[in-house]
Amino acid sequence: MAQGILPFKYEEEKKSTGMTALAGLPLYLKLVQKTGLGKSIQKHIKVRESGQGWTDSQIVTVLILLNLAVRYWFLKNIPGGLKIVRL
């Protein structure tokens, strides 16, 4: 598989599931970083009160990635899933 400028490398598996382990999520993570979404979240969302735990930006990014992964799984594994997701 051709590799680009991203700081990670994709490897092909010889399985017939048709699904990657990460479902393309590293590309979305890179998109979040390049668009400045993380910085925007830090600027506009102020939920975390102490310096402990995940930052607001990390939590929102994880929720976005989780949403994408669940949608990908749903579309691939549920008959008629595409029609339901588009409603």
N, C-alpha and C. Protein backbone atom coordinates (compact mmCIF):
# COMPACT_ATOMS: atom_id res chain seq x y z
N MET A 1 0.85 -1.18 0.00
CA MET A 1 0.00 0.00 0.00
C MET A 1 0.90 1.24 0.00
N ALA A 2 0.56 2.21 -0.80
CA ALA A 2 1.35 3.43 -0.89
C ALA A 2 1.27 4.21 0.41
N GLN A 3 2.40 4.74 0.83
CA GLN A 3 2.47 5.50 2.08
C GLN A 3 2.66 6.98 1.75
N GLY A 4 2.07 7.83 2.56
CA GLY A 4 2.17 9.26 2.32
C GLY A 4 3.00 9.96 3.36
N ILE A 5 2.61 11.17 3.70
CA ILE A 5 3.36 11.99 4.64
C ILE A 5 2.90 11.82 6.08
N LEU A 6 1.93 10.95 6.31
CA LEU A 6 1.40 10.77 7.65
C LEU A 6 2.40 10.01 8.52
N PRO A 7 2.39 10.28 9.84
CA PRO A 7 3.39 9.67 10.73
C PRO A 7 3.05 8.25 11.16
N PHE A 8 2.31 7.52 10.38
CA PHE A 8 2.02 6.13 10.68
C PHE A 8 1.98 5.35 9.37
N LYS A 9 2.03 4.04 9.47
CA LYS A 9 2.10 3.19 8.30
C LYS A 9 0.98 2.17 8.33
N TYR A 10 0.28 2.04 7.22
CA TYR A 10 -0.76 1.02 7.11
C TYR A 10 -0.15 -0.29 6.64
N GLU A 11 -0.63 -1.38 7.18
CA GLU A 11 -0.21 -2.70 6.73
C GLU A 11 -1.45 -3.49 6.37
N GLU A 12 -1.40 -4.20 5.26
CA GLU A 12 -2.53 -4.99 4.81
C GLU A 12 -2.53 -6.35 5.49
N GLU A 13 -3.72 -6.80 5.86
CA GLU A 13 -3.87 -8.14 6.42
C GLU A 13 -4.48 -9.04 5.36
N LYS A 14 -4.18 -10.30 5.45
CA LYS A 14 -4.70 -11.27 4.50
C LYS A 14 -5.97 -11.93 5.02
N LYS A 15 -6.89 -11.14 5.54
CA LYS A 15 -8.16 -11.66 6.05
C LYS A 15 -9.29 -11.16 5.17
N SER A 16 -10.39 -11.87 5.19
CA SER A 16 -11.50 -11.53 4.30
C SER A 16 -12.62 -10.77 5.00
N THR A 17 -12.35 -10.15 6.14
CA THR A 17 -13.41 -9.45 6.86
C THR A 17 -13.80 -8.15 6.19
N GLY A 18 -12.89 -7.56 5.43
CA GLY A 18 -13.20 -6.30 4.77
C GLY A 18 -13.15 -5.10 5.69
N MET A 19 -12.68 -5.28 6.91
CA MET A 19 -12.62 -4.18 7.87
C MET A 19 -11.22 -4.10 8.45
N THR A 20 -10.70 -2.90 8.57
CA THR A 20 -9.40 -2.73 9.21
C THR A 20 -9.60 -2.64 10.72
N ALA A 21 -8.53 -2.85 11.44
CA ALA A 21 -8.61 -2.79 12.89
C ALA A 21 -8.95 -1.38 13.37
N LEU A 22 -8.51 -0.38 12.65
CA LEU A 22 -8.73 1.00 13.08
C LEU A 22 -9.79 1.74 12.27
N ALA A 23 -10.30 1.11 11.22
CA ALA A 23 -11.36 1.69 10.39
C ALA A 23 -11.01 3.08 9.86
N GLY A 24 -9.73 3.35 9.60
CA GLY A 24 -9.32 4.64 9.06
C GLY A 24 -9.31 5.77 10.08
N LEU A 25 -9.42 5.45 11.36
CA LEU A 25 -9.49 6.50 12.38
C LEU A 25 -8.25 7.38 12.47
N PRO A 26 -7.03 6.86 12.23
CA PRO A 26 -5.87 7.76 12.29
C PRO A 26 -5.97 8.94 11.32
N LEU A 27 -6.63 8.74 10.18
CA LEU A 27 -6.79 9.85 9.24
C LEU A 27 -7.69 10.94 9.82
N TYR A 28 -8.74 10.53 10.51
CA TYR A 28 -9.62 11.51 11.14
C TYR A 28 -8.92 12.23 12.29
N LEU A 29 -8.08 11.50 13.03
CA LEU A 29 -7.31 12.12 14.10
C LEU A 29 -6.37 13.17 13.53
N LYS A 30 -5.72 12.85 12.44
CA LYS A 30 -4.83 13.81 11.78
C LYS A 30 -5.62 15.01 11.28
N LEU A 31 -6.84 14.79 10.78
CA LEU A 31 -7.70 15.88 10.33
C LEU A 31 -8.03 16.82 11.49
N VAL A 32 -8.34 16.24 12.65
CA VAL A 32 -8.62 17.05 13.85
C VAL A 32 -7.42 17.91 14.18
N GLN A 33 -6.23 17.34 14.11
CA GLN A 33 -5.01 18.09 14.44
C GLN A 33 -4.73 19.19 13.43
N LYS A 34 -4.85 18.87 12.14
CA LYS A 34 -4.52 19.84 11.09
C LYS A 34 -5.51 21.00 11.00
N THR A 35 -6.79 20.74 11.32
CA THR A 35 -7.79 21.80 11.23
C THR A 35 -7.83 22.70 12.46
N GLY A 36 -7.12 22.30 13.51
CA GLY A 36 -7.11 23.11 14.73
C GLY A 36 -8.34 22.89 15.59
N LEU A 37 -9.07 21.80 15.36
CA LEU A 37 -10.27 21.53 16.14
C LEU A 37 -9.94 21.38 17.63
N GLY A 38 -8.83 20.72 17.93
CA GLY A 38 -8.43 20.54 19.33
C GLY A 38 -8.23 21.87 20.04
N LYS A 39 -7.58 22.80 19.38
CA LYS A 39 -7.35 24.13 19.97
C LYS A 39 -8.67 24.88 20.14
N SER A 40 -9.56 24.72 19.17
CA SER A 40 -10.87 25.37 19.25
C SER A 40 -11.69 24.82 20.42
N ILE A 41 -11.61 23.51 20.62
CA ILE A 41 -12.32 22.90 21.74
C ILE A 41 -11.77 23.42 23.06
N GLN A 42 -10.44 23.51 23.16
CA GLN A 42 -9.83 24.03 24.39
C GLN A 42 -10.24 25.47 24.66
N LYS A 43 -10.42 26.23 23.59
CA LYS A 43 -10.79 27.64 23.73
C LYS A 43 -12.24 27.82 24.16
N HIS A 44 -13.15 26.99 23.62
CA HIS A 44 -14.58 27.22 23.81
C HIS A 44 -15.25 26.33 24.85
N ILE A 45 -14.65 25.19 25.18
CA ILE A 45 -15.26 24.29 26.15
C ILE A 45 -14.42 24.27 27.41
N LYS A 46 -15.02 24.64 28.50
CA LYS A 46 -14.32 24.71 29.80
C LYS A 46 -15.09 23.89 30.83
N VAL A 47 -14.96 22.56 30.76
CA VAL A 47 -15.66 21.68 31.68
C VAL A 47 -14.74 21.20 32.78
N ARG A 48 -13.53 20.83 32.42
CA ARG A 48 -12.57 20.29 33.39
C ARG A 48 -12.13 21.39 34.35
N GLU A 49 -12.25 21.12 35.63
CA GLU A 49 -11.92 22.14 36.64
C GLU A 49 -10.51 21.99 37.20
N SER A 50 -10.03 20.76 37.32
CA SER A 50 -8.68 20.56 37.86
C SER A 50 -7.74 20.17 36.73
N GLY A 51 -6.48 20.04 37.04
CA GLY A 51 -5.49 19.67 36.04
C GLY A 51 -5.35 18.17 35.86
N GLN A 52 -6.22 17.40 36.51
CA GLN A 52 -6.11 15.95 36.42
C GLN A 52 -7.01 15.39 35.33
N GLY A 53 -6.64 14.22 34.84
CA GLY A 53 -7.48 13.54 33.85
C GLY A 53 -7.29 14.06 32.45
N TRP A 54 -8.14 13.59 31.57
CA TRP A 54 -8.07 13.99 30.17
C TRP A 54 -8.55 15.43 29.99
N THR A 55 -7.99 16.09 29.01
CA THR A 55 -8.44 17.46 28.71
C THR A 55 -9.78 17.39 27.98
N ASP A 56 -10.47 18.52 27.95
CA ASP A 56 -11.75 18.59 27.24
C ASP A 56 -11.56 18.24 25.76
N SER A 57 -10.47 18.69 25.18
CA SER A 57 -10.17 18.40 23.79
C SER A 57 -9.99 16.91 23.55
N GLN A 58 -9.29 16.23 24.44
CA GLN A 58 -9.09 14.79 24.30
C GLN A 58 -10.41 14.03 24.39
N ILE A 59 -11.26 14.41 25.32
CA ILE A 59 -12.53 13.72 25.50
C ILE A 59 -13.43 13.91 24.27
N VAL A 60 -13.52 15.13 23.76
CA VAL A 60 -14.37 15.38 22.59
C VAL A 60 -13.81 14.65 21.37
N THR A 61 -12.49 14.64 21.20
CA THR A 61 -11.88 13.94 20.08
C THR A 61 -12.17 12.44 20.15
N VAL A 62 -12.07 11.86 21.34
CA VAL A 62 -12.37 10.44 21.51
C VAL A 62 -13.83 10.16 21.18
N LEU A 63 -14.73 11.02 21.61
CA LEU A 63 -16.15 10.83 21.30
C LEU A 63 -16.42 10.90 19.79
N ILE A 64 -15.73 11.79 19.10
CA ILE A 64 -15.87 11.89 17.65
C ILE A 64 -15.38 10.60 16.99
N LEU A 65 -14.21 10.13 17.41
CA LEU A 65 -13.64 8.91 16.83
C LEU A 65 -14.51 7.69 17.15
N LEU A 66 -15.05 7.64 18.35
CA LEU A 66 -15.95 6.54 18.72
C LEU A 66 -17.20 6.54 17.85
N ASN A 67 -17.75 7.73 17.63
CA ASN A 67 -18.93 7.86 16.78
C ASN A 67 -18.63 7.35 15.37
N LEU A 68 -17.48 7.73 14.82
CA LEU A 68 -17.10 7.29 13.48
C LEU A 68 -16.92 5.78 13.42
N ALA A 69 -16.28 5.21 14.44
CA ALA A 69 -16.03 3.77 14.45
C ALA A 69 -17.34 2.99 14.54
N VAL A 70 -18.26 3.45 15.38
CA VAL A 70 -19.54 2.75 15.53
C VAL A 70 -20.34 2.84 14.23
N ARG A 71 -20.34 3.99 13.61
CA ARG A 71 -21.05 4.14 12.33
C ARG A 71 -20.45 3.22 11.28
N TYR A 72 -19.13 3.13 11.21
CA TYR A 72 -18.47 2.26 10.24
C TYR A 72 -18.87 0.81 10.49
N TRP A 73 -18.81 0.38 11.75
CA TRP A 73 -19.19 -0.99 12.09
C TRP A 73 -20.65 -1.26 11.74
N PHE A 74 -21.52 -0.30 12.07
CA PHE A 74 -22.95 -0.45 11.83
C PHE A 74 -23.24 -0.61 10.35
N LEU A 75 -22.60 0.22 9.53
CA LEU A 75 -22.83 0.15 8.09
C LEU A 75 -22.34 -1.16 7.49
N LYS A 76 -21.27 -1.70 8.05
CA LYS A 76 -20.70 -2.94 7.51
C LYS A 76 -21.41 -4.19 8.00
N ASN A 77 -22.03 -4.15 9.17
CA ASN A 77 -22.52 -5.37 9.80
C ASN A 77 -24.02 -5.50 9.95
N ILE A 78 -24.78 -4.44 9.78
CA ILE A 78 -26.21 -4.49 9.97
C ILE A 78 -26.90 -4.41 8.59
N PRO A 79 -27.70 -5.43 8.24
CA PRO A 79 -28.42 -5.35 6.97
C PRO A 79 -29.35 -4.13 6.96
N GLY A 80 -29.26 -3.36 5.92
CA GLY A 80 -30.07 -2.15 5.82
C GLY A 80 -29.55 -1.01 6.69
N GLY A 81 -28.36 -1.16 7.23
CA GLY A 81 -27.79 -0.14 8.12
C GLY A 81 -27.63 1.21 7.46
N LEU A 82 -27.31 1.21 6.19
CA LEU A 82 -27.12 2.47 5.47
C LEU A 82 -28.41 3.28 5.43
N LYS A 83 -29.54 2.62 5.23
CA LYS A 83 -30.82 3.32 5.21
C LYS A 83 -31.15 3.91 6.58
N ILE A 84 -30.86 3.17 7.63
CA ILE A 84 -31.17 3.64 8.99
C ILE A 84 -30.31 4.83 9.36
N VAL A 85 -29.01 4.79 9.04
CA VAL A 85 -28.09 5.87 9.40
C VAL A 85 -28.44 7.16 8.68
N ARG A 86 -28.95 7.07 7.47
CA ARG A 86 -29.26 8.27 6.69
C ARG A 86 -30.57 8.93 7.11
N LEU A 87 -31.35 8.32 7.95
CA LEU A 87 -32.64 8.92 8.37
C LEU A 87 -32.44 10.15 9.18
